[in-house]
Amino acid sequence: FAVALPWLWGVMAMLSGVVAIAGSFAVKR
């Protein structure tokens, strides 16, 4: 599982990034 953990962190970071970007535009609006 240690081999897959960084990949999982990457997927979670990308999803969090998309949510943060969408949230920033919602706050701006």
PDB file of all heavy atoms in Angstrom:
ATOM      1  N   PHE A   1       0.810  -1.209   0.000  1.00  0.00           N
ATOM      2  CA  PHE A   1       0.000   0.000   0.000  1.00  0.00           C
ATOM      3  C   PHE A   1       0.848   1.266   0.000  1.00  0.00           C
ATOM      4  O   PHE A   1       0.383   2.315  -0.442  1.00  0.00           O
ATOM      5  CB  PHE A   1      -0.973  -0.014   1.180  1.00  0.00           C
ATOM      6  CG  PHE A   1      -2.084  -0.996   0.988  1.00  0.00           C
ATOM      7  CD1 PHE A   1      -2.004  -2.266   1.532  1.00  0.00           C
ATOM      8  CD2 PHE A   1      -3.188  -0.671   0.224  1.00  0.00           C
ATOM      9  CE1 PHE A   1      -3.013  -3.184   1.336  1.00  0.00           C
ATOM     10  CE2 PHE A   1      -4.208  -1.585   0.024  1.00  0.00           C
ATOM     11  CZ  PHE A   1      -4.124  -2.844   0.583  1.00  0.00           C
ATOM     12  N   ALA A   2       2.079   1.195   0.481  1.00  0.00           N
ATOM     13  CA  ALA A   2       2.952   2.370   0.491  1.00  0.00           C
ATOM     14  C   ALA A   2       3.265   2.832  -0.931  1.00  0.00           C
ATOM     15  O   ALA A   2       3.443   4.030  -1.173  1.00  0.00           O
ATOM     16  CB  ALA A   2       4.242   2.075   1.240  1.00  0.00           C
ATOM     17  N   VAL A   3       3.289   1.899  -1.869  1.00  0.00           N
ATOM     18  CA  VAL A   3       3.545   2.259  -3.260  1.00  0.00           C
ATOM     19  C   VAL A   3       2.391   3.086  -3.819  1.00  0.00           C
ATOM     20  O   VAL A   3       2.592   4.023  -4.581  1.00  0.00           O
ATOM     21  CB  VAL A   3       3.760   0.985  -4.112  1.00  0.00           C
ATOM     22  CG1 VAL A   3       3.857   1.309  -5.586  1.00  0.00           C
ATOM     23  CG2 VAL A   3       5.009   0.246  -3.641  1.00  0.00           C
ATOM     24  N   ALA A   4       1.165   2.766  -3.389  1.00  0.00           N
ATOM     25  CA  ALA A   4      -0.014   3.456  -3.908  1.00  0.00           C
ATOM     26  C   ALA A   4      -0.339   4.741  -3.153  1.00  0.00           C
ATOM     27  O   ALA A   4      -1.076   5.583  -3.659  1.00  0.00           O
ATOM     28  CB  ALA A   4      -1.218   2.522  -3.861  1.00  0.00           C
ATOM     29  N   LEU A   5       0.195   4.912  -1.951  1.00  0.00           N
ATOM     30  CA  LEU A   5      -0.181   6.055  -1.122  1.00  0.00           C
ATOM     31  C   LEU A   5       0.121   7.410  -1.773  1.00  0.00           C
ATOM     32  O   LEU A   5      -0.752   8.286  -1.782  1.00  0.00           O
ATOM     33  CB  LEU A   5       0.464   5.947   0.257  1.00  0.00           C
ATOM     34  CG  LEU A   5      -0.065   6.910   1.310  1.00  0.00           C
ATOM     35  CD1 LEU A   5      -1.557   6.688   1.554  1.00  0.00           C
ATOM     36  CD2 LEU A   5       0.710   6.733   2.603  1.00  0.00           C
ATOM     37  N   PRO A   6       1.307   7.639  -2.328  1.00  0.00           N
ATOM     38  CA  PRO A   6       1.540   8.939  -2.969  1.00  0.00           C
ATOM     39  C   PRO A   6       0.582   9.200  -4.135  1.00  0.00           C
ATOM     40  O   PRO A   6       0.135  10.328  -4.337  1.00  0.00           O
ATOM     41  CB  PRO A   6       2.986   8.850  -3.469  1.00  0.00           C
ATOM     42  CG  PRO A   6       3.619   7.843  -2.584  1.00  0.00           C
ATOM     43  CD  PRO A   6       2.536   6.844  -2.281  1.00  0.00           C
ATOM     44  N   TRP A   7       0.246   8.163  -4.871  1.00  0.00           N
ATOM     45  CA  TRP A   7      -0.712   8.316  -5.971  1.00  0.00           C
ATOM     46  C   TRP A   7      -2.076   8.709  -5.411  1.00  0.00           C
ATOM     47  O   TRP A   7      -2.738   9.601  -5.942  1.00  0.00           O
ATOM     48  CB  TRP A   7      -0.804   7.004  -6.765  1.00  0.00           C
ATOM     49  CG  TRP A   7      -1.654   7.146  -7.977  1.00  0.00           C
ATOM     50  CD1 TRP A   7      -1.272   7.637  -9.194  1.00  0.00           C
ATOM     51  CD2 TRP A   7      -3.029   6.802  -8.089  1.00  0.00           C
ATOM     52  NE1 TRP A   7      -2.330   7.621 -10.052  1.00  0.00           N
ATOM     53  CE2 TRP A   7      -3.436   7.114  -9.401  1.00  0.00           C
ATOM     54  CE3 TRP A   7      -3.970   6.272  -7.215  1.00  0.00           C
ATOM     55  CZ2 TRP A   7      -4.730   6.914  -9.850  1.00  0.00           C
ATOM     56  CZ3 TRP A   7      -5.263   6.077  -7.664  1.00  0.00           C
ATOM     57  CH2 TRP A   7      -5.634   6.386  -8.968  1.00  0.00           C
ATOM     58  N   LEU A   8      -2.487   8.068  -4.325  1.00  0.00           N
ATOM     59  CA  LEU A   8      -3.760   8.399  -3.678  1.00  0.00           C
ATOM     60  C   LEU A   8      -3.735   9.833  -3.170  1.00  0.00           C
ATOM     61  O   LEU A   8      -4.712  10.577  -3.316  1.00  0.00           O
ATOM     62  CB  LEU A   8      -4.037   7.425  -2.537  1.00  0.00           C
ATOM     63  CG  LEU A   8      -5.309   7.653  -1.738  1.00  0.00           C
ATOM     64  CD1 LEU A   8      -6.539   7.484  -2.614  1.00  0.00           C
ATOM     65  CD2 LEU A   8      -5.365   6.697  -0.559  1.00  0.00           C
ATOM     66  N   TRP A   9      -2.611  10.251  -2.557  1.00  0.00           N
ATOM     67  CA  TRP A   9      -2.483  11.644  -2.121  1.00  0.00           C
ATOM     68  C   TRP A   9      -2.628  12.594  -3.308  1.00  0.00           C
ATOM     69  O   TRP A   9      -3.216  13.661  -3.183  1.00  0.00           O
ATOM     70  CB  TRP A   9      -1.136  11.880  -1.456  1.00  0.00           C
ATOM     71  CG  TRP A   9      -0.988  11.307  -0.081  1.00  0.00           C
ATOM     72  CD1 TRP A   9      -1.986  11.001   0.796  1.00  0.00           C
ATOM     73  CD2 TRP A   9       0.227  10.974   0.562  1.00  0.00           C
ATOM     74  NE1 TRP A   9      -1.451  10.500   1.952  1.00  0.00           N
ATOM     75  CE2 TRP A   9      -0.090  10.464   1.842  1.00  0.00           C
ATOM     76  CE3 TRP A   9       1.564  11.047   0.199  1.00  0.00           C
ATOM     77  CZ2 TRP A   9       0.862  10.048   2.747  1.00  0.00           C
ATOM     78  CZ3 TRP A   9       2.512  10.626   1.099  1.00  0.00           C
ATOM     79  CH2 TRP A   9       2.162  10.137   2.368  1.00  0.00           C
ATOM     80  N   GLY A  10      -2.072  12.205  -4.449  1.00  0.00           N
ATOM     81  CA  GLY A  10      -2.174  13.043  -5.645  1.00  0.00           C
ATOM     82  C   GLY A  10      -3.609  13.195  -6.115  1.00  0.00           C
ATOM     83  O   GLY A  10      -4.048  14.300  -6.442  1.00  0.00           O
ATOM     84  N   VAL A  11      -4.348  12.098  -6.143  1.00  0.00           N
ATOM     85  CA  VAL A  11      -5.762  12.160  -6.554  1.00  0.00           C
ATOM     86  C   VAL A  11      -6.548  13.038  -5.579  1.00  0.00           C
ATOM     87  O   VAL A  11      -7.353  13.891  -5.994  1.00  0.00           O
ATOM     88  CB  VAL A  11      -6.371  10.737  -6.644  1.00  0.00           C
ATOM     89  CG1 VAL A  11      -7.874  10.789  -6.821  1.00  0.00           C
ATOM     90  CG2 VAL A  11      -5.724   9.954  -7.777  1.00  0.00           C
ATOM     91  N   MET A  12      -6.299  12.854  -4.284  1.00  0.00           N
ATOM     92  CA  MET A  12      -6.997  13.662  -3.282  1.00  0.00           C
ATOM     93  C   MET A  12      -6.623  15.141  -3.414  1.00  0.00           C
ATOM     94  O   MET A  12      -7.485  16.019  -3.275  1.00  0.00           O
ATOM     95  CB  MET A  12      -6.690  13.143  -1.877  1.00  0.00           C
ATOM     96  CG  MET A  12      -7.325  11.798  -1.590  1.00  0.00           C
ATOM     97  SD  MET A  12      -6.817  11.033  -0.034  1.00  0.00           S
ATOM     98  CE  MET A  12      -7.093  12.320   1.131  1.00  0.00           C
ATOM     99  N   ALA A  13      -5.374  15.430  -3.688  1.00  0.00           N
ATOM    100  CA  ALA A  13      -4.938  16.825  -3.855  1.00  0.00           C
ATOM    101  C   ALA A  13      -5.599  17.446  -5.080  1.00  0.00           C
ATOM    102  O   ALA A  13      -6.034  18.606  -5.036  1.00  0.00           O
ATOM    103  CB  ALA A  13      -3.416  16.900  -3.967  1.00  0.00           C
ATOM    104  N   MET A  14      -5.687  16.695  -6.171  1.00  0.00           N
ATOM    105  CA  MET A  14      -6.330  17.239  -7.369  1.00  0.00           C
ATOM    106  C   MET A  14      -7.810  17.516  -7.116  1.00  0.00           C
ATOM    107  O   MET A  14      -8.326  18.565  -7.511  1.00  0.00           O
ATOM    108  CB  MET A  14      -6.145  16.294  -8.562  1.00  0.00           C
ATOM    109  CG  MET A  14      -4.744  16.288  -9.102  1.00  0.00           C
ATOM    110  SD  MET A  14      -4.520  15.486 -10.706  1.00  0.00           S
ATOM    111  CE  MET A  14      -5.337  13.934 -10.506  1.00  0.00           C
ATOM    112  N   LEU A  15      -8.493  16.588  -6.463  1.00  0.00           N
ATOM    113  CA  LEU A  15      -9.903  16.810  -6.143  1.00  0.00           C
ATOM    114  C   LEU A  15     -10.071  18.014  -5.225  1.00  0.00           C
ATOM    115  O   LEU A  15     -10.966  18.847  -5.431  1.00  0.00           O
ATOM    116  CB  LEU A  15     -10.510  15.561  -5.510  1.00  0.00           C
ATOM    117  CG  LEU A  15     -10.668  14.347  -6.415  1.00  0.00           C
ATOM    118  CD1 LEU A  15     -11.137  13.133  -5.613  1.00  0.00           C
ATOM    119  CD2 LEU A  15     -11.620  14.646  -7.555  1.00  0.00           C
ATOM    120  N   SER A  16      -9.215  18.126  -4.220  1.00  0.00           N
ATOM    121  CA  SER A  16      -9.274  19.277  -3.309  1.00  0.00           C
ATOM    122  C   SER A  16      -8.980  20.571  -4.055  1.00  0.00           C
ATOM    123  O   SER A  16      -9.589  21.611  -3.766  1.00  0.00           O
ATOM    124  CB  SER A  16      -8.272  19.101  -2.168  1.00  0.00           C
ATOM    125  OG  SER A  16      -8.574  17.962  -1.410  1.00  0.00           O
ATOM    126  N   GLY A  17      -8.061  20.524  -4.993  1.00  0.00           N
ATOM    127  CA  GLY A  17      -7.747  21.709  -5.786  1.00  0.00           C
ATOM    128  C   GLY A  17      -8.919  22.167  -6.622  1.00  0.00           C
ATOM    129  O   GLY A  17      -9.221  23.364  -6.683  1.00  0.00           O
ATOM    130  N   VAL A  18      -9.610  21.219  -7.243  1.00  0.00           N
ATOM    131  CA  VAL A  18     -10.793  21.564  -8.038  1.00  0.00           C
ATOM    132  C   VAL A  18     -11.864  22.191  -7.147  1.00  0.00           C
ATOM    133  O   VAL A  18     -12.477  23.207  -7.495  1.00  0.00           O
ATOM    134  CB  VAL A  18     -11.335  20.321  -8.780  1.00  0.00           C
ATOM    135  CG1 VAL A  18     -12.707  20.583  -9.383  1.00  0.00           C
ATOM    136  CG2 VAL A  18     -10.346  19.883  -9.856  1.00  0.00           C
ATOM    137  N   VAL A  19     -12.092  21.603  -5.974  1.00  0.00           N
ATOM    138  CA  VAL A  19     -13.090  22.141  -5.041  1.00  0.00           C
ATOM    139  C   VAL A  19     -12.685  23.545  -4.578  1.00  0.00           C
ATOM    140  O   VAL A  19     -13.521  24.449  -4.509  1.00  0.00           O
ATOM    141  CB  VAL A  19     -13.287  21.191  -3.840  1.00  0.00           C
ATOM    142  CG1 VAL A  19     -14.111  21.838  -2.742  1.00  0.00           C
ATOM    143  CG2 VAL A  19     -13.931  19.893  -4.297  1.00  0.00           C
ATOM    144  N   ALA A  20     -11.400  23.748  -4.272  1.00  0.00           N
ATOM    145  CA  ALA A  20     -10.940  25.067  -3.827  1.00  0.00           C
ATOM    146  C   ALA A  20     -11.089  26.104  -4.930  1.00  0.00           C
ATOM    147  O   ALA A  20     -11.508  27.241  -4.671  1.00  0.00           O
ATOM    148  CB  ALA A  20      -9.493  24.987  -3.354  1.00  0.00           C
ATOM    149  N   ILE A  21     -10.758  25.735  -6.147  1.00  0.00           N
ATOM    150  CA  ILE A  21     -10.893  26.671  -7.275  1.00  0.00           C
ATOM    151  C   ILE A  21     -12.359  27.040  -7.471  1.00  0.00           C
ATOM    152  O   ILE A  21     -12.710  28.224  -7.598  1.00  0.00           O
ATOM    153  CB  ILE A  21     -10.277  26.073  -8.557  1.00  0.00           C
ATOM    154  CG1 ILE A  21      -8.757  25.997  -8.421  1.00  0.00           C
ATOM    155  CG2 ILE A  21     -10.670  26.890  -9.784  1.00  0.00           C
ATOM    156  CD1 ILE A  21      -8.068  25.162  -9.488  1.00  0.00           C
ATOM    157  N   ALA A  22     -13.237  26.041  -7.478  1.00  0.00           N
ATOM    158  CA  ALA A  22     -14.673  26.310  -7.626  1.00  0.00           C
ATOM    159  C   ALA A  22     -15.178  27.169  -6.461  1.00  0.00           C
ATOM    160  O   ALA A  22     -15.956  28.114  -6.667  1.00  0.00           O
ATOM    161  CB  ALA A  22     -15.449  25.007  -7.711  1.00  0.00           C
ATOM    162  N   GLY A  23     -14.721  26.861  -5.256  1.00  0.00           N
ATOM    163  CA  GLY A  23     -15.135  27.635  -4.090  1.00  0.00           C
ATOM    164  C   GLY A  23     -14.667  29.079  -4.151  1.00  0.00           C
ATOM    165  O   GLY A  23     -15.382  29.993  -3.740  1.00  0.00           O
ATOM    166  N   SER A  24     -13.461  29.291  -4.665  1.00  0.00           N
ATOM    167  CA  SER A  24     -12.950  30.662  -4.747  1.00  0.00           C
ATOM    168  C   SER A  24     -13.806  31.495  -5.693  1.00  0.00           C
ATOM    169  O   SER A  24     -14.104  32.657  -5.396  1.00  0.00           O
ATOM    170  CB  SER A  24     -11.491  30.670  -5.203  1.00  0.00           C
ATOM    171  OG  SER A  24     -11.378  30.306  -6.575  1.00  0.00           O
ATOM    172  N   PHE A  25     -14.225  30.911  -6.808  1.00  0.00           N
ATOM    173  CA  PHE A  25     -15.074  31.655  -7.735  1.00  0.00           C
ATOM    174  C   PHE A  25     -16.471  31.867  -7.169  1.00  0.00           C
ATOM    175  O   PHE A  25     -17.101  32.891  -7.431  1.00  0.00           O
ATOM    176  CB  PHE A  25     -15.119  30.964  -9.098  1.00  0.00           C
ATOM    177  CG  PHE A  25     -13.846  31.123  -9.873  1.00  0.00           C
ATOM    178  CD1 PHE A  25     -13.104  30.021 -10.246  1.00  0.00           C
ATOM    179  CD2 PHE A  25     -13.374  32.380 -10.230  1.00  0.00           C
ATOM    180  CE1 PHE A  25     -11.917  30.161 -10.952  1.00  0.00           C
ATOM    181  CE2 PHE A  25     -12.192  32.542 -10.934  1.00  0.00           C
ATOM    182  CZ  PHE A  25     -11.465  31.425 -11.299  1.00  0.00           C
ATOM    183  N   ALA A  26     -16.952  30.925  -6.367  1.00  0.00           N
ATOM    184  CA  ALA A  26     -18.251  31.104  -5.719  1.00  0.00           C
ATOM    185  C   ALA A  26     -18.183  32.264  -4.716  1.00  0.00           C
ATOM    186  O   ALA A  26     -19.095  33.085  -4.645  1.00  0.00           O
ATOM    187  CB  ALA A  26     -18.682  29.816  -5.022  1.00  0.00           C
ATOM    188  N   VAL A  27     -17.097  32.336  -3.957  1.00  0.00           N
ATOM    189  CA  VAL A  27     -16.925  33.436  -3.004  1.00  0.00           C
ATOM    190  C   VAL A  27     -16.806  34.756  -3.759  1.00  0.00           C
ATOM    191  O   VAL A  27     -17.408  35.771  -3.370  1.00  0.00           O
ATOM    192  CB  VAL A  27     -15.691  33.194  -2.098  1.00  0.00           C
ATOM    193  CG1 VAL A  27     -15.333  34.448  -1.303  1.00  0.00           C
ATOM    194  CG2 VAL A  27     -15.929  32.015  -1.167  1.00  0.00           C
ATOM    195  N   LYS A  28     -16.073  34.765  -4.855  1.00  0.00           N
ATOM    196  CA  LYS A  28     -15.924  35.977  -5.645  1.00  0.00           C
ATOM    197  C   LYS A  28     -17.277  36.446  -6.170  1.00  0.00           C
ATOM    198  O   LYS A  28     -17.591  37.643  -6.131  1.00  0.00           O
ATOM    199  CB  LYS A  28     -14.962  35.744  -6.816  1.00  0.00           C
ATOM    200  CG  LYS A  28     -14.743  36.972  -7.673  1.00  0.00           C
ATOM    201  CD  LYS A  28     -13.828  36.693  -8.838  1.00  0.00           C
ATOM    202  CE  LYS A  28     -13.674  37.960  -9.677  1.00  0.00           C
ATOM    203  NZ  LYS A  28     -12.931  37.699 -10.891  1.00  0.00           N
ATOM    204  N   ARG A  29     -18.081  35.498  -6.631  1.00  0.00           N
ATOM    205  CA  ARG A  29     -19.410  35.844  -7.151  1.00  0.00           C
ATOM    206  C   ARG A  29     -20.296  36.428  -6.039  1.00  0.00           C
ATOM    207  O   ARG A  29     -20.982  37.416  -6.229  1.00  0.00           O
ATOM    208  CB  ARG A  29     -20.074  34.615  -7.779  1.00  0.00           C
ATOM    209  CG  ARG A  29     -21.395  34.912  -8.436  1.00  0.00           C
ATOM    210  CD  ARG A  29     -22.012  33.713  -9.141  1.00  0.00           C
ATOM    211  NE  ARG A  29     -22.210  32.594  -8.229  1.00  0.00           N
ATOM    212  CZ  ARG A  29     -21.532  31.442  -8.257  1.00  0.00           C
ATOM    213  NH1 ARG A  29     -20.614  31.243  -9.189  1.00  0.00           N
ATOM    214  NH2 ARG A  29     -21.766  30.496  -7.395  1.00  0.00           N
TER     215      ARG A  29
END
